[in-house]
Amino acid sequence: MAFIDGTVVNIALPALQQSLHATVVDVQWVIEAYSLLLSALLLLGGSLGDRYGRRRIFMIGVALFSLASAWCGFASNVHELIIARGFQGIGGALLVPGSLAIISASFSDQDRGRAIGTWSGFTAITAAIGPVLGGWLIEHFSWRAVFFINLPLAAIVLLISFYRVPGSRD
């Protein structure tokens, strides 16, 4: 979710700029609010997972990310969208390091390499699919749909995490 959002939103920028009567600076902040908070809090997200439980922090990140995605989709103006994107960045900072740490803690030494490779491959695939999916959603629905796509994904991830991911911490 965090990686696909990094690319899919770029495709939505012209449509949301027109719809929300946003300036070029506003549109830059739609991107930067997410990226800035994601990158600034990434290490904190990993540390929180080590201290309070990787699954717990990961699931909090997924929930926050999905709630912020809904907020983005319902934003009535560009300033509200920028704030919601910041909250998406915070959620992303909690879920991204947790996802890799959960893999490291959940797989044996001989299976870990393949699991991390699969994680990396899916990361690359979602980044590549983002623009195509975003264009299709905007063309057939609205720029708001690029945010709402996270909601069913988050529900699936939360269910799988709750039932299948073991808790771990250092």
N, C-alpha and C. Protein backbone atom coordinates (compact mmCIF):
# COMPACT_ATOMS: atom_id res chain seq x y z
N MET A 1 0.83 -1.19 0.00
CA MET A 1 0.00 0.00 0.00
C MET A 1 0.87 1.25 0.00
N ALA A 2 1.88 1.25 0.84
CA ALA A 2 2.72 2.44 0.93
C ALA A 2 3.49 2.69 -0.36
N PHE A 3 3.94 1.62 -1.01
CA PHE A 3 4.72 1.80 -2.23
C PHE A 3 3.84 2.14 -3.43
N ILE A 4 2.70 1.52 -3.51
CA ILE A 4 1.81 1.83 -4.64
C ILE A 4 1.30 3.26 -4.53
N ASP A 5 1.09 3.74 -3.31
CA ASP A 5 0.61 5.09 -3.11
C ASP A 5 1.65 6.13 -3.56
N GLY A 6 2.91 5.77 -3.43
CA GLY A 6 3.95 6.69 -3.85
C GLY A 6 3.94 6.98 -5.34
N THR A 7 3.44 6.05 -6.14
CA THR A 7 3.42 6.26 -7.59
C THR A 7 2.03 6.59 -8.12
N VAL A 8 1.00 6.01 -7.54
CA VAL A 8 -0.34 6.19 -8.07
C VAL A 8 -0.83 7.63 -7.91
N VAL A 9 -0.44 8.27 -6.83
CA VAL A 9 -0.89 9.64 -6.58
C VAL A 9 -0.31 10.61 -7.60
N ASN A 10 0.90 10.34 -8.08
CA ASN A 10 1.50 11.21 -9.09
C ASN A 10 0.63 11.32 -10.34
N ILE A 11 -0.01 10.24 -10.70
CA ILE A 11 -0.88 10.24 -11.88
C ILE A 11 -2.14 11.06 -11.62
N ALA A 12 -2.58 11.11 -10.38
CA ALA A 12 -3.81 11.82 -10.03
C ALA A 12 -3.62 13.32 -9.88
N LEU A 13 -2.39 13.79 -9.85
CA LEU A 13 -2.14 15.20 -9.55
C LEU A 13 -2.86 16.19 -10.47
N PRO A 14 -2.82 16.02 -11.79
CA PRO A 14 -3.53 16.99 -12.63
C PRO A 14 -5.04 17.02 -12.36
N ALA A 15 -5.63 15.85 -12.16
CA ALA A 15 -7.07 15.79 -11.92
C ALA A 15 -7.43 16.40 -10.57
N LEU A 16 -6.66 16.10 -9.55
CA LEU A 16 -6.98 16.67 -8.24
C LEU A 16 -6.66 18.15 -8.19
N GLN A 17 -5.64 18.58 -8.92
CA GLN A 17 -5.33 20.01 -8.99
C GLN A 17 -6.50 20.79 -9.58
N GLN A 18 -7.06 20.25 -10.64
CA GLN A 18 -8.20 20.91 -11.28
C GLN A 18 -9.44 20.85 -10.38
N SER A 19 -9.70 19.71 -9.80
CA SER A 19 -10.89 19.53 -8.98
C SER A 19 -10.87 20.38 -7.72
N LEU A 20 -9.70 20.49 -7.10
CA LEU A 20 -9.59 21.23 -5.83
C LEU A 20 -9.06 22.66 -6.03
N HIS A 21 -8.86 23.06 -7.28
CA HIS A 21 -8.36 24.41 -7.60
C HIS A 21 -7.05 24.68 -6.86
N ALA A 22 -6.16 23.72 -6.94
CA ALA A 22 -4.89 23.78 -6.22
C ALA A 22 -3.82 24.45 -7.07
N THR A 23 -2.88 25.09 -6.40
CA THR A 23 -1.74 25.69 -7.07
C THR A 23 -0.67 24.61 -7.26
N VAL A 24 0.38 24.96 -7.99
CA VAL A 24 1.50 24.05 -8.18
C VAL A 24 2.16 23.75 -6.83
N VAL A 25 2.29 24.76 -5.99
CA VAL A 25 2.88 24.57 -4.65
C VAL A 25 2.01 23.62 -3.82
N ASP A 26 0.69 23.78 -3.90
CA ASP A 26 -0.21 22.89 -3.19
C ASP A 26 -0.01 21.44 -3.62
N VAL A 27 0.09 21.23 -4.90
CA VAL A 27 0.26 19.88 -5.44
C VAL A 27 1.60 19.29 -5.01
N GLN A 28 2.63 20.14 -4.95
CA GLN A 28 3.93 19.66 -4.46
C GLN A 28 3.80 19.18 -3.02
N TRP A 29 3.02 19.89 -2.21
CA TRP A 29 2.85 19.50 -0.82
C TRP A 29 2.01 18.24 -0.67
N VAL A 30 1.15 17.97 -1.61
CA VAL A 30 0.39 16.71 -1.59
C VAL A 30 1.37 15.54 -1.65
N ILE A 31 2.41 15.67 -2.45
CA ILE A 31 3.43 14.63 -2.56
C ILE A 31 4.40 14.69 -1.37
N GLU A 32 4.88 15.89 -1.07
CA GLU A 32 5.92 16.04 -0.06
C GLU A 32 5.45 15.75 1.36
N ALA A 33 4.20 16.04 1.69
CA ALA A 33 3.71 15.76 3.04
C ALA A 33 3.82 14.27 3.33
N TYR A 34 3.48 13.45 2.36
CA TYR A 34 3.59 12.00 2.50
C TYR A 34 5.05 11.57 2.59
N SER A 35 5.85 11.98 1.62
CA SER A 35 7.24 11.54 1.54
C SER A 35 8.05 12.01 2.74
N LEU A 36 7.83 13.24 3.15
CA LEU A 36 8.60 13.81 4.25
C LEU A 36 8.34 13.06 5.56
N LEU A 37 7.07 12.84 5.89
CA LEU A 37 6.77 12.15 7.14
C LEU A 37 7.12 10.66 7.07
N LEU A 38 6.94 10.04 5.92
CA LEU A 38 7.34 8.64 5.76
C LEU A 38 8.83 8.49 6.02
N SER A 39 9.64 9.27 5.34
CA SER A 39 11.09 9.12 5.48
C SER A 39 11.60 9.59 6.84
N ALA A 40 11.01 10.63 7.41
CA ALA A 40 11.47 11.14 8.69
C ALA A 40 11.17 10.19 9.85
N LEU A 41 10.09 9.43 9.73
CA LEU A 41 9.65 8.59 10.85
C LEU A 41 9.90 7.09 10.63
N LEU A 42 10.55 6.74 9.54
CA LEU A 42 10.77 5.33 9.22
C LEU A 42 11.57 4.60 10.31
N LEU A 43 12.64 5.19 10.78
CA LEU A 43 13.44 4.55 11.82
C LEU A 43 12.67 4.45 13.13
N LEU A 44 11.88 5.47 13.43
CA LEU A 44 11.05 5.43 14.62
C LEU A 44 10.03 4.29 14.53
N GLY A 45 9.44 4.11 13.36
CA GLY A 45 8.49 3.02 13.16
C GLY A 45 9.12 1.67 13.41
N GLY A 46 10.35 1.46 12.93
CA GLY A 46 11.05 0.21 13.17
C GLY A 46 11.37 0.02 14.65
N SER A 47 11.79 1.08 15.31
CA SER A 47 12.10 1.01 16.75
C SER A 47 10.86 0.71 17.58
N LEU A 48 9.75 1.34 17.23
CA LEU A 48 8.50 1.07 17.95
C LEU A 48 8.09 -0.39 17.79
N GLY A 49 8.28 -0.93 16.60
CA GLY A 49 7.96 -2.34 16.37
C GLY A 49 8.83 -3.25 17.21
N ASP A 50 10.12 -2.92 17.32
CA ASP A 50 11.02 -3.73 18.14
C ASP A 50 10.62 -3.66 19.62
N ARG A 51 10.18 -2.52 20.04
CA ARG A 51 9.88 -2.32 21.47
C ARG A 51 8.49 -2.83 21.85
N TYR A 52 7.48 -2.53 21.05
CA TYR A 52 6.09 -2.82 21.43
C TYR A 52 5.46 -3.98 20.66
N GLY A 53 6.20 -4.57 19.76
CA GLY A 53 5.70 -5.70 18.99
C GLY A 53 5.54 -5.32 17.52
N ARG A 54 6.18 -6.09 16.67
CA ARG A 54 6.17 -5.78 15.23
C ARG A 54 4.78 -5.87 14.64
N ARG A 55 4.07 -6.94 14.99
CA ARG A 55 2.72 -7.10 14.44
C ARG A 55 1.82 -5.96 14.89
N ARG A 56 1.87 -5.59 16.16
CA ARG A 56 1.03 -4.52 16.70
C ARG A 56 1.29 -3.20 15.98
N ILE A 57 2.55 -2.81 15.87
CA ILE A 57 2.88 -1.53 15.23
C ILE A 57 2.56 -1.58 13.74
N PHE A 58 2.83 -2.72 13.11
CA PHE A 58 2.49 -2.89 11.70
C PHE A 58 0.98 -2.71 11.49
N MET A 59 0.18 -3.36 12.33
CA MET A 59 -1.27 -3.27 12.18
C MET A 59 -1.78 -1.85 12.49
N ILE A 60 -1.18 -1.18 13.45
CA ILE A 60 -1.53 0.22 13.71
C ILE A 60 -1.20 1.06 12.49
N GLY A 61 -0.04 0.80 11.88
CA GLY A 61 0.35 1.53 10.67
C GLY A 61 -0.61 1.31 9.52
N VAL A 62 -1.02 0.06 9.32
CA VAL A 62 -1.97 -0.26 8.25
C VAL A 62 -3.31 0.44 8.50
N ALA A 63 -3.77 0.38 9.74
CA ALA A 63 -5.05 1.02 10.09
C ALA A 63 -4.97 2.53 9.90
N LEU A 64 -3.89 3.15 10.39
CA LEU A 64 -3.72 4.60 10.23
C LEU A 64 -3.61 4.97 8.76
N PHE A 65 -2.85 4.19 8.01
CA PHE A 65 -2.70 4.45 6.58
C PHE A 65 -4.04 4.38 5.86
N SER A 66 -4.85 3.38 6.19
CA SER A 66 -6.14 3.23 5.51
C SER A 66 -7.12 4.32 5.92
N LEU A 67 -7.13 4.70 7.19
CA LEU A 67 -8.00 5.80 7.63
C LEU A 67 -7.60 7.11 6.96
N ALA A 68 -6.29 7.34 6.88
CA ALA A 68 -5.80 8.53 6.20
C ALA A 68 -6.12 8.49 4.71
N SER A 69 -6.10 7.30 4.12
CA SER A 69 -6.46 7.16 2.70
C SER A 69 -7.91 7.54 2.47
N ALA A 70 -8.78 7.09 3.37
CA ALA A 70 -10.20 7.47 3.27
C ALA A 70 -10.34 8.98 3.42
N TRP A 71 -9.61 9.56 4.36
CA TRP A 71 -9.64 11.01 4.56
C TRP A 71 -9.18 11.73 3.29
N CYS A 72 -8.12 11.21 2.65
CA CYS A 72 -7.66 11.79 1.38
C CYS A 72 -8.77 11.75 0.33
N GLY A 73 -9.42 10.60 0.24
CA GLY A 73 -10.47 10.44 -0.77
C GLY A 73 -11.66 11.35 -0.54
N PHE A 74 -11.93 11.67 0.71
CA PHE A 74 -13.06 12.54 1.04
C PHE A 74 -12.67 14.01 1.22
N ALA A 75 -11.41 14.34 1.05
CA ALA A 75 -10.93 15.71 1.29
C ALA A 75 -11.73 16.72 0.47
N SER A 76 -12.15 17.77 1.14
CA SER A 76 -12.96 18.80 0.47
C SER A 76 -12.12 19.94 -0.09
N ASN A 77 -10.87 20.03 0.33
CA ASN A 77 -9.98 21.06 -0.22
C ASN A 77 -8.55 20.54 -0.17
N VAL A 78 -7.66 21.26 -0.82
CA VAL A 78 -6.29 20.77 -0.96
C VAL A 78 -5.55 20.79 0.37
N HIS A 79 -5.87 21.72 1.24
CA HIS A 79 -5.18 21.78 2.54
C HIS A 79 -5.54 20.57 3.40
N GLU A 80 -6.77 20.16 3.35
CA GLU A 80 -7.21 18.96 4.05
C GLU A 80 -6.51 17.72 3.46
N LEU A 81 -6.38 17.70 2.15
CA LEU A 81 -5.70 16.60 1.48
C LEU A 81 -4.23 16.53 1.90
N ILE A 82 -3.58 17.67 2.01
CA ILE A 82 -2.17 17.71 2.42
C ILE A 82 -2.02 17.15 3.84
N ILE A 83 -2.89 17.54 4.74
CA ILE A 83 -2.83 17.03 6.12
C ILE A 83 -3.08 15.52 6.14
N ALA A 84 -4.06 15.07 5.38
CA ALA A 84 -4.37 13.64 5.32
C ALA A 84 -3.20 12.86 4.74
N ARG A 85 -2.52 13.43 3.75
CA ARG A 85 -1.34 12.77 3.17
C ARG A 85 -0.22 12.66 4.18
N GLY A 86 -0.10 13.67 5.06
CA GLY A 86 0.88 13.59 6.14
C GLY A 86 0.59 12.41 7.05
N PHE A 87 -0.69 12.22 7.38
CA PHE A 87 -1.06 11.07 8.21
C PHE A 87 -0.83 9.75 7.48
N GLN A 88 -1.00 9.76 6.17
CA GLN A 88 -0.65 8.55 5.41
C GLN A 88 0.84 8.25 5.55
N GLY A 89 1.65 9.28 5.51
CA GLY A 89 3.09 9.11 5.68
C GLY A 89 3.45 8.53 7.04
N ILE A 90 2.76 8.98 8.09
CA ILE A 90 2.99 8.44 9.42
C ILE A 90 2.61 6.96 9.45
N GLY A 91 1.45 6.63 8.89
CA GLY A 91 1.04 5.22 8.81
C GLY A 91 2.04 4.39 8.02
N GLY A 92 2.51 4.93 6.92
CA GLY A 92 3.51 4.23 6.12
C GLY A 92 4.81 3.99 6.88
N ALA A 93 5.21 4.97 7.70
CA ALA A 93 6.43 4.82 8.50
C ALA A 93 6.29 3.74 9.56
N LEU A 94 5.07 3.44 9.95
CA LEU A 94 4.85 2.35 10.91
C LEU A 94 4.75 1.00 10.22
N LEU A 95 4.20 0.97 9.02
CA LEU A 95 3.98 -0.33 8.38
C LEU A 95 5.15 -0.82 7.55
N VAL A 96 5.89 0.06 6.92
CA VAL A 96 6.97 -0.39 6.02
C VAL A 96 8.07 -1.14 6.77
N PRO A 97 8.67 -0.57 7.83
CA PRO A 97 9.72 -1.35 8.50
C PRO A 97 9.16 -2.60 9.18
N GLY A 98 7.92 -2.52 9.63
CA GLY A 98 7.31 -3.69 10.28
C GLY A 98 7.14 -4.85 9.32
N SER A 99 6.83 -4.54 8.07
CA SER A 99 6.61 -5.63 7.11
C SER A 99 7.88 -6.43 6.90
N LEU A 100 9.00 -5.77 6.75
CA LEU A 100 10.26 -6.48 6.55
C LEU A 100 10.72 -7.17 7.84
N ALA A 101 10.52 -6.51 8.97
CA ALA A 101 10.92 -7.11 10.25
C ALA A 101 10.08 -8.35 10.56
N ILE A 102 8.82 -8.33 10.20
CA ILE A 102 7.95 -9.51 10.41
C ILE A 102 8.44 -10.67 9.57
N ILE A 103 8.85 -10.39 8.34
CA ILE A 103 9.40 -11.44 7.48
C ILE A 103 10.66 -12.02 8.11
N SER A 104 11.55 -11.15 8.57
CA SER A 104 12.80 -11.62 9.16
C SER A 104 12.56 -12.47 10.40
N ALA A 105 11.56 -12.10 11.20
CA ALA A 105 11.27 -12.83 12.43
C ALA A 105 10.45 -14.10 12.19
N SER A 106 9.75 -14.17 11.07
CA SER A 106 8.81 -15.27 10.83
C SER A 106 9.37 -16.43 10.03
N PHE A 107 10.46 -16.22 9.32
CA PHE A 107 10.99 -17.26 8.46
C PHE A 107 12.32 -17.78 8.98
N SER A 108 12.56 -19.05 8.74
CA SER A 108 13.83 -19.66 9.13
C SER A 108 14.96 -19.08 8.27
N ASP A 109 16.18 -19.32 8.71
CA ASP A 109 17.34 -18.79 7.98
C ASP A 109 17.36 -19.21 6.52
N GLN A 110 17.02 -20.47 6.25
CA GLN A 110 17.07 -20.95 4.86
C GLN A 110 15.93 -20.42 4.00
N ASP A 111 14.79 -20.05 4.59
CA ASP A 111 13.66 -19.52 3.84
C ASP A 111 13.61 -17.99 3.81
N ARG A 112 14.36 -17.35 4.67
CA ARG A 112 14.30 -15.89 4.80
C ARG A 112 14.71 -15.16 3.53
N GLY A 113 15.76 -15.63 2.88
CA GLY A 113 16.22 -14.98 1.65
C GLY A 113 15.15 -14.96 0.57
N ARG A 114 14.48 -16.09 0.39
CA ARG A 114 13.41 -16.17 -0.61
C ARG A 114 12.23 -15.27 -0.23
N ALA A 115 11.91 -15.23 1.06
CA ALA A 115 10.80 -14.40 1.52
C ALA A 115 11.10 -12.91 1.32
N ILE A 116 12.32 -12.50 1.62
CA ILE A 116 12.71 -11.10 1.42
C ILE A 116 12.76 -10.78 -0.07
N GLY A 117 13.21 -11.72 -0.87
CA GLY A 117 13.20 -11.53 -2.33
C GLY A 117 11.79 -11.36 -2.87
N THR A 118 10.86 -12.14 -2.34
CA THR A 118 9.46 -12.02 -2.74
C THR A 118 8.92 -10.65 -2.33
N TRP A 119 9.22 -10.24 -1.11
CA TRP A 119 8.81 -8.91 -0.62
C TRP A 119 9.34 -7.81 -1.54
N SER A 120 10.63 -7.91 -1.89
CA SER A 120 11.25 -6.91 -2.76
C SER A 120 10.62 -6.92 -4.15
N GLY A 121 10.35 -8.12 -4.66
CA GLY A 121 9.72 -8.23 -5.98
C GLY A 121 8.33 -7.61 -6.00
N PHE A 122 7.52 -7.89 -4.97
CA PHE A 122 6.19 -7.30 -4.91
C PHE A 122 6.25 -5.79 -4.73
N THR A 123 7.26 -5.31 -4.03
CA THR A 123 7.45 -3.88 -3.87
C THR A 123 7.68 -3.24 -5.24
N ALA A 124 8.53 -3.84 -6.02
CA ALA A 124 8.82 -3.31 -7.35
C ALA A 124 7.60 -3.40 -8.27
N ILE A 125 6.88 -4.50 -8.17
CA ILE A 125 5.68 -4.67 -9.00
C ILE A 125 4.62 -3.63 -8.65
N THR A 126 4.40 -3.39 -7.36
CA THR A 126 3.38 -2.40 -6.98
C THR A 126 3.78 -1.00 -7.43
N ALA A 127 5.08 -0.68 -7.35
CA ALA A 127 5.54 0.63 -7.82
C ALA A 127 5.32 0.76 -9.33
N ALA A 128 5.48 -0.33 -10.07
CA ALA A 128 5.28 -0.29 -11.52
C ALA A 128 3.80 -0.27 -11.89
N ILE A 129 2.98 -0.97 -11.13
CA ILE A 129 1.54 -1.04 -11.42
C ILE A 129 0.82 0.26 -11.05
N GLY A 130 1.37 0.98 -10.07
CA GLY A 130 0.73 2.19 -9.57
C GLY A 130 0.27 3.17 -10.65
N PRO A 131 1.15 3.59 -11.55
CA PRO A 131 0.72 4.54 -12.57
C PRO A 131 -0.38 4.00 -13.50
N VAL A 132 -0.28 2.72 -13.85
CA VAL A 132 -1.30 2.13 -14.73
C VAL A 132 -2.64 2.06 -14.01
N LEU A 133 -2.62 1.55 -12.79
CA LEU A 133 -3.85 1.46 -12.00
C LEU A 133 -4.42 2.85 -11.74
N GLY A 134 -3.56 3.79 -11.40
CA GLY A 134 -4.02 5.16 -11.15
C GLY A 134 -4.69 5.77 -12.36
N GLY A 135 -4.08 5.62 -13.52
CA GLY A 135 -4.67 6.15 -14.74
C GLY A 135 -6.02 5.54 -15.03
N TRP A 136 -6.13 4.24 -14.84
CA TRP A 136 -7.41 3.57 -15.08
C TRP A 136 -8.47 4.04 -14.11
N LEU A 137 -8.13 4.14 -12.84
CA LEU A 137 -9.10 4.60 -11.83
C LEU A 137 -9.57 6.02 -12.08
N ILE A 138 -8.63 6.89 -12.45
CA ILE A 138 -8.99 8.29 -12.73
C ILE A 138 -9.88 8.38 -13.95
N GLU A 139 -9.53 7.62 -14.98
CA GLU A 139 -10.30 7.66 -16.22
C GLU A 139 -11.72 7.12 -16.04
N HIS A 140 -11.87 6.07 -15.24
CA HIS A 140 -13.17 5.42 -15.10
C HIS A 140 -13.97 5.89 -13.89
N PHE A 141 -13.30 6.47 -12.90
CA PHE A 141 -14.01 6.90 -11.69
C PHE A 141 -13.66 8.34 -11.35
N SER A 142 -12.62 8.54 -10.57
CA SER A 142 -12.24 9.86 -10.10
C SER A 142 -10.84 9.78 -9.51
N TRP A 143 -10.20 10.92 -9.32
CA TRP A 143 -8.91 10.92 -8.64
C TRP A 143 -9.06 10.40 -7.21
N ARG A 144 -10.22 10.52 -6.64
CA ARG A 144 -10.46 10.06 -5.26
C ARG A 144 -10.33 8.53 -5.15
N ALA A 145 -10.59 7.84 -6.23
CA ALA A 145 -10.53 6.37 -6.23
C ALA A 145 -9.12 5.86 -5.96
N VAL A 146 -8.09 6.65 -6.30
CA VAL A 146 -6.72 6.19 -6.05
C VAL A 146 -6.44 6.06 -4.55
N PHE A 147 -7.20 6.75 -3.74
CA PHE A 147 -7.06 6.62 -2.29
C PHE A 147 -7.96 5.53 -1.73
N PHE A 148 -9.14 5.39 -2.30
CA PHE A 148 -10.09 4.39 -1.80
C PHE A 148 -9.64 2.96 -2.09
N ILE A 149 -8.75 2.77 -3.06
CA ILE A 149 -8.26 1.43 -3.38
C ILE A 149 -7.51 0.83 -2.18
N ASN A 150 -7.00 1.68 -1.30
CA ASN A 150 -6.27 1.19 -0.13
C ASN A 150 -7.18 0.53 0.91
N LEU A 151 -8.44 0.86 0.91
CA LEU A 151 -9.34 0.36 1.95
C LEU A 151 -9.54 -1.16 1.89
N PRO A 152 -9.88 -1.73 0.75
CA PRO A 152 -10.01 -3.20 0.73
C PRO A 152 -8.66 -3.90 0.94
N LEU A 153 -7.59 -3.30 0.43
CA LEU A 153 -6.26 -3.89 0.64
C LEU A 153 -5.92 -3.92 2.13
N ALA A 154 -6.21 -2.82 2.81
CA ALA A 154 -5.92 -2.75 4.25
C ALA A 154 -6.75 -3.76 5.03
N ALA A 155 -8.00 -3.93 4.66
CA ALA A 155 -8.85 -4.90 5.35
C ALA A 155 -8.28 -6.31 5.21
N ILE A 156 -7.84 -6.66 4.02
CA ILE A 156 -7.25 -7.98 3.78
C ILE A 156 -5.95 -8.14 4.58
N VAL A 157 -5.11 -7.12 4.55
CA VAL A 157 -3.83 -7.17 5.27
C VAL A 157 -4.06 -7.30 6.78
N LEU A 158 -5.03 -6.55 7.30
CA LEU A 158 -5.31 -6.61 8.74
C LEU A 158 -5.84 -7.99 9.15
N LEU A 159 -6.71 -8.57 8.33
CA LEU A 159 -7.21 -9.91 8.63
C LEU A 159 -6.10 -10.95 8.61
N ILE A 160 -5.28 -10.91 7.59
CA ILE A 160 -4.16 -11.85 7.50
C ILE A 160 -3.21 -11.64 8.67
N SER A 161 -2.92 -10.40 8.98
CA SER A 161 -1.99 -10.10 10.08
C SER A 161 -2.52 -10.60 11.41
N PHE A 162 -3.79 -10.40 11.63
CA PHE A 162 -4.39 -10.80 12.90
C PHE A 162 -4.36 -12.31 13.09
N TYR A 163 -4.68 -13.03 12.01
CA TYR A 163 -4.80 -14.48 12.13
C TYR A 163 -3.53 -15.26 11.80
N ARG A 164 -2.64 -14.71 11.01
CA ARG A 164 -1.53 -15.52 10.51
C ARG A 164 -0.13 -15.02 10.90
N VAL A 165 -0.01 -13.79 11.38
CA VAL A 165 1.32 -13.24 11.66
C VAL A 165 1.59 -13.35 13.17
N PRO A 166 2.68 -14.03 13.51
CA PRO A 166 3.01 -14.15 14.93
C PRO A 166 3.55 -12.83 15.48
N GLY A 167 3.30 -12.58 16.74
CA GLY A 167 3.84 -11.40 17.39
C GLY A 167 5.31 -11.62 17.71
N SER A 168 6.12 -10.58 17.58
CA SER A 168 7.54 -10.67 17.91
C SER A 168 8.05 -9.29 18.27
N ARG A 169 9.11 -9.27 19.06
CA ARG A 169 9.78 -8.01 19.41
C ARG A 169 11.18 -8.33 19.88
N ASP A 170 12.03 -7.31 19.90
CA ASP A 170 13.40 -7.49 20.41
C ASP A 170 13.53 -6.74 21.72
